[in-house]
Protein backbone atom coordinates (compact mmCIF):
# COMPACT_ATOMS: atom_id res chain seq x y z
CA MET A 1 0.02 0.12 0.06
CA SER A 2 2.84 2.38 0.85
CA GLY A 3 5.39 1.72 -1.96
CA LYS A 4 8.21 -0.80 -1.96
CA LYS A 5 8.75 -2.91 1.19
CA GLN A 6 11.57 -1.92 3.34
CA LYS A 7 13.09 -3.45 6.44
CA LYS A 8 12.03 -1.62 9.60
CA VAL A 9 14.94 0.18 11.23
CA ASP A 10 15.88 -0.96 14.81
CA ILE A 11 17.69 0.78 17.58
CA VAL A 12 20.89 -1.15 16.76
CA SER A 13 21.02 0.32 13.17
CA VAL A 14 20.59 3.79 14.60
CA ALA A 15 23.42 3.20 17.01
CA LYS A 16 25.78 1.85 14.30
CA ALA A 17 24.89 5.15 12.29
CA VAL A 18 25.92 7.31 15.05
CA LYS A 19 28.82 4.99 16.31
CA VAL A 20 27.49 4.84 19.79
CA SER A 21 25.92 2.04 21.84
CA ALA A 22 22.18 0.96 21.65
CA SER A 23 21.92 1.88 25.30
CA THR A 24 23.14 5.45 24.40
CA VAL A 25 20.19 5.73 21.87
CA SER A 26 17.91 4.31 24.52
CA ARG A 27 18.99 6.93 26.91
CA TYR A 28 18.48 9.63 24.31
CA PHE A 29 14.74 8.72 24.47
CA ASN A 30 14.31 8.18 28.11
CA HIS A 31 16.73 10.49 29.67
CA PRO A 32 17.91 13.04 27.08
CA ASN A 33 19.51 15.08 29.62
CA LEU A 34 22.01 12.51 30.26
CA VAL A 35 23.27 12.50 26.79
CA LYS A 36 25.71 15.26 25.49
CA LEU A 37 24.18 17.71 23.15
CA ALA A 38 26.37 16.85 20.09
CA THR A 39 25.46 13.24 20.59
CA ARG A 40 21.75 14.01 20.89
CA ARG A 41 21.84 15.93 17.60
CA LYS A 42 23.61 13.15 15.81
CA ILE A 43 21.10 10.62 17.16
CA GLU A 44 18.20 12.95 16.28
CA SER A 45 19.39 13.21 12.78
CA ALA A 46 19.84 9.38 12.42
CA VAL A 47 16.43 8.73 13.89
CA ARG A 48 14.89 11.09 11.35
CA ASN A 49 16.91 9.94 8.33
CA GLN A 50 16.30 6.25 8.95
CA GLY A 51 12.59 6.62 10.08
CA TYR A 52 13.20 4.88 13.36
CA ILE A 53 10.36 4.59 15.68
CA ARG A 54 10.82 3.25 19.24
CA ASN A 55 8.26 0.75 20.44
CA ARG A 56 6.84 2.42 23.39
CA ALA A 57 4.33 -0.62 23.73
CA ALA A 58 7.43 -3.04 24.11
CA GLN A 59 5.13 -5.58 25.83
CA THR A 60 3.31 -6.05 22.48
CA ILE A 61 4.64 -9.46 21.05
CA HIS A 62 6.19 -8.98 17.66
CA GLY A 63 3.73 -9.78 14.92
CA ILE A 64 0.58 -9.32 16.81
CA ARG A 65 -1.60 -6.29 16.15
CA SER A 66 -2.31 -3.47 18.62
CA GLY A 67 -5.82 -3.16 17.51
CA THR A 68 -5.51 0.64 17.06
CA ILE A 69 -5.57 2.80 14.06
CA GLY A 70 -4.10 6.35 14.04
CA VAL A 71 -6.31 9.04 12.71
CA LEU A 72 -4.84 12.60 11.90
CA VAL A 73 -7.16 15.46 11.17
CA PRO A 74 -6.57 19.12 10.85
CA THR A 75 -9.08 20.29 13.35
CA LEU A 76 -12.03 19.14 15.27
CA ASP A 77 -13.75 22.49 15.53
CA HIS A 78 -16.07 21.82 12.69
CA ALA A 79 -18.97 19.33 12.51
CA ILE A 80 -17.97 17.94 9.21
CA PHE A 81 -14.73 16.49 10.41
CA ALA A 82 -16.36 15.22 13.69
CA GLU A 83 -19.06 13.62 11.44
CA VAL A 84 -16.30 11.78 9.25
CA VAL A 85 -14.43 10.69 12.30
CA GLN A 86 -17.30 9.25 14.03
CA ALA A 87 -18.35 7.26 10.98
CA PHE A 88 -14.79 5.92 10.76
CA SER A 89 -14.57 5.03 14.32
CA ASP A 90 -17.91 3.33 14.39
CA THR A 91 -17.07 1.13 11.30
CA VAL A 92 -13.54 0.12 12.39
CA ALA A 93 -15.03 -0.86 15.81
CA GLU A 94 -16.98 -3.43 13.83
CA HIS A 95 -13.71 -4.95 12.71
CA GLY A 96 -12.19 -4.96 16.25
CA PHE A 97 -10.12 -1.72 16.06
CA THR A 98 -10.17 1.54 18.13
CA ILE A 99 -8.65 4.76 17.00
CA LEU A 100 -6.09 7.04 18.44
CA LEU A 101 -7.08 10.47 17.28
CA ALA A 102 -4.80 13.52 16.91
CA SER A 103 -5.24 16.93 15.29
CA TYR A 104 -2.60 19.28 13.94
CA GLY A 105 -4.33 22.63 13.25
CA TYR A 106 -3.26 22.70 9.58
CA ASP A 107 0.60 22.89 10.88
CA GLN A 108 2.70 20.33 8.94
CA LYS A 109 5.32 20.25 11.75
CA ARG A 110 2.66 19.26 14.14
CA GLU A 111 1.19 16.80 11.89
CA TYR A 112 4.63 14.96 11.48
CA ALA A 113 5.21 15.23 15.35
CA ASN A 114 1.82 13.82 15.96
CA LEU A 115 2.38 10.92 13.40
CA ARG A 116 5.59 9.99 15.14
CA LYS A 117 3.69 9.66 18.50
CA LEU A 118 1.06 7.52 17.00
CA LEU A 119 3.45 5.29 15.23
CA GLU A 120 5.40 5.02 18.68
CA HIS A 121 2.24 3.51 20.01
CA ARG A 122 2.49 0.75 17.28
CA VAL A 123 -0.70 1.54 15.61
CA ASP A 124 -1.76 -1.06 12.82
CA GLY A 125 -2.72 1.53 10.24
CA VAL A 126 -2.79 5.38 9.51
CA VAL A 127 -5.33 7.69 8.10
CA LEU A 128 -4.36 11.13 6.72
CA THR A 129 -6.77 13.69 5.93
CA GLY A 130 -6.36 15.16 2.29
CA LEU A 131 -4.01 14.45 -0.34
CA GLU A 132 -1.12 16.90 0.13
CA HIS A 133 1.45 16.35 3.03
CA ASP A 134 4.88 17.04 3.70
CA GLU A 135 7.22 14.46 2.11
CA ALA A 136 8.60 13.71 5.54
CA ILE A 137 5.20 12.42 6.39
CA PHE A 138 4.95 9.91 3.47
CA GLN A 139 8.76 8.88 3.91
CA LEU A 140 7.91 8.07 7.55
CA ILE A 141 4.89 5.89 6.72
CA ASP A 142 6.96 4.15 3.98
CA SER A 143 9.67 3.44 6.40
CA GLN A 144 7.30 1.63 8.63
CA ASN A 145 5.51 -0.46 5.99
CA ILE A 146 2.25 0.33 7.67
CA PRO A 147 -1.11 0.23 5.78
CA SER A 148 -2.19 3.80 5.04
CA VAL A 149 -5.06 5.52 3.45
CA LEU A 150 -6.02 9.28 2.53
CA MET A 151 -9.47 10.35 3.53
CA TRP A 152 -11.84 13.09 2.65
CA ASN A 153 -10.28 13.92 -0.71
CA TYR A 154 -10.30 11.74 -3.84
CA ALA A 155 -7.86 11.65 -6.59
CA GLU A 156 -7.08 8.64 -8.98
CA THR A 157 -3.48 9.23 -8.78
CA SER A 158 -2.99 9.81 -5.06
CA ARG A 159 0.10 8.51 -3.19
CA TYR A 160 -1.97 6.15 -1.07
CA PRO A 161 -5.44 4.88 -1.68
CA SER A 162 -7.77 7.94 -1.39
CA ILE A 163 -11.30 7.57 -0.03
CA GLY A 164 -13.22 10.84 -0.40
CA ALA A 165 -14.89 13.45 -2.72
CA ASP A 166 -13.29 15.32 -5.56
CA ASN A 167 -13.29 18.86 -4.19
CA ALA A 168 -12.68 20.42 -7.56
CA LEU A 169 -15.98 18.94 -8.90
CA ALA A 170 -17.65 20.36 -5.84
CA GLY A 171 -16.53 23.71 -6.64
CA LYS A 172 -17.54 23.30 -10.25
CA LEU A 173 -20.95 22.31 -9.39
CA ILE A 174 -21.70 25.32 -7.15
CA ALA A 175 -20.08 27.82 -9.56
CA GLU A 176 -22.17 26.25 -12.53
CA HIS A 177 -25.28 26.50 -10.49
CA ILE A 178 -24.81 30.24 -9.55
CA LEU A 179 -24.11 30.93 -13.23
CA SER A 180 -27.16 28.93 -14.22
CA LEU A 181 -29.32 31.39 -12.24
CA GLY A 182 -28.01 34.34 -14.33
CA HIS A 183 -25.58 35.87 -11.77
CA ARG A 184 -22.54 37.53 -13.16
CA ASP A 185 -21.65 39.89 -10.36
CA ILE A 186 -20.26 37.15 -8.04
CA ALA A 187 -18.06 37.40 -4.94
CA TYR A 188 -16.42 34.55 -3.29
CA MET A 189 -15.17 33.68 0.24
CA PHE A 190 -12.78 30.90 1.11
CA PRO A 191 -10.72 29.87 4.05
CA PRO A 192 -6.95 30.25 4.02
CA THR A 193 -5.69 27.49 1.54
CA THR A 194 -2.13 26.99 2.95
CA GLY A 195 -1.93 23.40 4.16
CA ASN A 196 -5.66 22.80 3.13
CA ASP A 197 -5.85 21.09 -0.40
CA ARG A 198 -9.69 20.78 0.11
CA ALA A 199 -10.19 24.47 0.19
CA GLU A 200 -7.73 25.05 -2.70
CA GLY A 201 -9.26 22.53 -4.91
CA ARG A 202 -12.66 24.08 -4.32
CA ARG A 203 -11.40 27.62 -4.80
CA SER A 204 -9.35 27.01 -7.98
CA SER A 205 -12.31 25.27 -9.63
CA VAL A 206 -14.65 27.98 -8.74
CA ILE A 207 -12.36 30.43 -10.25
CA LYS A 208 -11.78 28.35 -13.38
CA THR A 209 -15.55 27.79 -13.87
CA LEU A 210 -16.32 31.44 -13.47
CA ASN A 211 -13.61 32.60 -15.84
CA ALA A 212 -14.75 30.04 -18.56
CA ALA A 213 -18.06 31.68 -18.42
CA GLY A 214 -16.57 35.18 -18.88
CA VAL A 215 -16.92 36.20 -15.18
CA ILE A 216 -13.79 37.81 -13.58
CA VAL A 217 -14.30 38.35 -9.88
CA PRO A 218 -12.90 41.68 -8.88
CA GLU A 219 -9.95 41.49 -6.28
CA HIS A 220 -12.18 43.23 -3.49
CA TRP A 221 -14.59 40.49 -3.83
CA GLN A 222 -12.25 37.82 -3.34
CA LEU A 223 -12.34 37.24 0.38
CA THR A 224 -10.30 35.07 2.68
CA THR A 225 -11.93 34.44 5.81
CA VAL A 226 -11.12 31.95 8.81
CA TYR A 227 -13.53 29.20 9.76
CA SER A 228 -15.85 31.44 11.85
CA ILE A 229 -19.48 32.25 11.50
CA SER A 230 -18.82 35.61 13.31
CA THR A 231 -15.98 36.53 11.21
CA SER A 232 -17.62 35.70 7.93
CA LYS A 233 -20.57 37.64 9.13
CA ARG A 234 -18.51 40.70 9.69
CA ASP A 235 -16.55 40.28 6.45
CA THR A 236 -19.85 40.11 4.47
CA GLN A 237 -21.17 43.23 6.13
CA ASP A 238 -17.90 44.98 5.15
CA LEU A 239 -18.23 43.68 1.60
CA LEU A 240 -21.91 44.98 1.22
CA LYS A 241 -21.12 48.32 2.64
CA ALA A 242 -19.94 49.56 -0.87
CA ALA A 243 -22.23 51.03 -3.42
CA GLN A 244 -21.64 48.14 -5.93
CA LYS A 245 -22.70 44.91 -4.42
CA PRO A 246 -22.36 41.31 -5.73
CA THR A 247 -25.62 39.59 -6.58
CA ALA A 248 -24.16 36.19 -5.22
CA ILE A 249 -21.52 35.01 -2.86
CA ILE A 250 -19.86 31.61 -3.34
CA CYS A 251 -18.43 30.29 0.06
CA GLY A 252 -15.79 27.44 0.35
CA ASN A 253 -17.83 25.73 2.95
CA ASP A 254 -21.17 25.97 4.91
CA ILE A 255 -19.58 27.65 8.08
CA LEU A 256 -18.59 30.67 5.97
CA ALA A 257 -21.86 30.63 3.98
CA THR A 258 -23.98 30.56 7.42
CA GLY A 259 -21.95 33.71 8.44
CA ALA A 260 -22.45 35.23 5.09
CA LEU A 261 -26.21 34.70 5.23
CA TYR A 262 -26.31 36.42 8.56
CA GLY A 263 -24.04 39.19 7.63
CA ALA A 264 -26.28 39.96 4.47
CA THR A 265 -29.40 40.03 6.71
CA ALA A 266 -27.52 42.49 9.15
CA ALA A 267 -26.67 44.51 6.20
CA GLY A 268 -30.47 45.04 5.53
CA LEU A 269 -30.48 42.67 2.38
CA SER A 270 -32.94 39.77 1.74
CA VAL A 271 -31.75 36.36 0.88
CA PRO A 272 -32.17 35.33 -1.84
CA ASN A 273 -34.16 38.32 -3.20
CA ASP A 274 -31.44 40.76 -3.03
CA ILE A 275 -28.44 38.40 -2.81
CA SER A 276 -27.81 34.54 -3.20
CA ILE A 277 -25.49 32.73 -0.99
CA ALA A 278 -24.19 29.22 -1.52
CA GLY A 279 -21.89 26.92 0.38
CA ILE A 280 -20.15 23.59 0.18
CA GLY A 281 -20.25 20.65 2.54
CA ASP A 282 -23.98 20.25 3.60
CA PHE A 283 -22.99 20.41 7.24
CA LYS A 284 -25.56 19.32 9.86
CA GLY A 285 -27.81 22.40 10.16
CA SER A 286 -27.49 23.80 6.82
CA SER A 287 -30.92 22.51 5.89
CA ASP A 288 -32.43 24.14 9.06
CA ILE A 289 -31.25 27.82 8.99
CA GLU A 290 -33.62 30.34 7.17
CA PRO A 291 -33.36 30.20 4.32
CA ALA A 292 -31.92 26.85 4.14
CA LEU A 293 -28.60 26.81 2.40
CA THR A 294 -27.80 25.84 -1.31
CA THR A 295 -24.78 23.84 -1.13
CA VAL A 296 -22.85 20.88 -2.42
CA ARG A 297 -23.13 17.75 -0.28
CA LEU A 298 -19.96 15.98 0.59
CA PRO A 299 -20.97 12.63 1.94
CA ALA A 300 -19.07 12.59 5.16
CA LYS A 301 -20.53 9.50 6.69
CA ARG A 302 -20.05 7.31 3.61
CA ILE A 303 -16.58 8.66 3.26
CA GLY A 304 -15.79 7.78 6.86
CA GLN A 305 -17.39 4.24 6.51
CA ASN A 306 -15.56 3.47 3.28
CA ALA A 307 -12.23 4.71 4.51
CA ALA A 308 -12.60 2.34 7.60
CA ILE A 309 -13.44 -0.70 5.57
CA ALA A 310 -10.59 -0.11 3.20
CA LEU A 311 -7.99 0.29 5.93
CA ALA A 312 -9.36 -2.56 7.94
CA ASN A 313 -8.95 -4.86 5.11
CA ALA A 314 -5.43 -3.59 4.40
CA ILE A 315 -4.52 -4.54 7.83
CA VAL A 316 -6.15 -7.94 8.14
CA LYS A 317 -5.58 -8.87 4.55
CA PRO A 318 -2.16 -7.58 3.69
CA ASP A 319 -1.85 -9.40 0.43
CA GLU A 320 -4.90 -7.87 -1.03
CA ILE A 321 -4.71 -4.63 -2.94
CA VAL A 322 -6.76 -1.70 -1.66
CA THR A 323 -8.06 0.86 -4.20
CA GLY A 324 -9.57 4.36 -3.66
CA THR A 325 -13.16 5.02 -3.79
CA HIS A 326 -14.78 8.31 -5.19
CA CYS A 327 -17.75 9.40 -3.04
CA GLU A 328 -19.19 11.89 -5.55
CA PRO A 329 -20.41 15.26 -4.24
CA GLU A 330 -24.00 16.24 -4.96
CA LEU A 331 -25.60 19.57 -5.67
CA ILE A 332 -28.26 20.30 -3.10
CA ILE A 333 -30.66 23.33 -4.01
CA ARG A 334 -32.30 25.06 -1.39
CA GLY A 335 -33.72 28.47 -0.61
CA SER A 336 -30.71 30.61 -0.26
CA CYS A 337 -30.10 31.13 -3.87
CA ALA A 338 -32.41 32.27 -6.66
CA LYS A 339 -32.53 33.51 -10.29
CA ILE A 340 -31.34 37.15 -10.56
């Protein structure tokens, strides 16, 4: 699943690389203050270069699975990630596994550090969120010969099997819908895309689809807003203070779209009579706000379930090839958008 098989690195090979004893390497992990700084740096470099992971669960007999799966997600602040993780957890439980969960706040260094900690606990498999990660992440997984899948995004050519939705397709669907309603004065609001290939895929696709239709979004209508209803509400109010207003706002997720809807209302506009607002995700609650949110459904529960089945099979049936699964996004038309 993770490329060519390699022999796992042990503490002896690390010690040989640094030309110290295995006990010194052990001391580096357990009592680093007792090891000279220069030696610590050499050991740290060897550990990183060789991909060595110490076995913190030393009592686990070699060859016996730990019954745990490591799950790395960028955040648990938003319902959509909680939903996909819950579905994953429930499904792997049916196969006898529990999860060890870590979030990294879209910080690649934290993701790497958290991955190392999960591997130190000898998890049987690893789930990463999204397709793009620091090369050190992939190298570390490869060095451990551990079954791995990429969850939430889908791409046919992904590094490991990916189970998720095509976010570029999601962006295309929502942009085409807004265009089909006759809108040409269109603003968009997306979260920061650094370290977030989901948002970047949607954003790039929205821009491409609008441009193909001859719609160029003015720079002051291109909003970057953090995941926050209050912030997106404020940014929408600021946007709508100008004399020239867009007739539609495309938002990169339903959190931003909900805040934009509140901001438009606070600015004295009627949704959708004066302005249309659309999101992506179909989070829980998107159908309950007033007006209900037009969005693109990303099937979080199905993604979590399919990813769980794929990884569980990869662990218990290592000789079988695991392939990716595209859980297609779906346009959901509700009351927040209307013809111009």
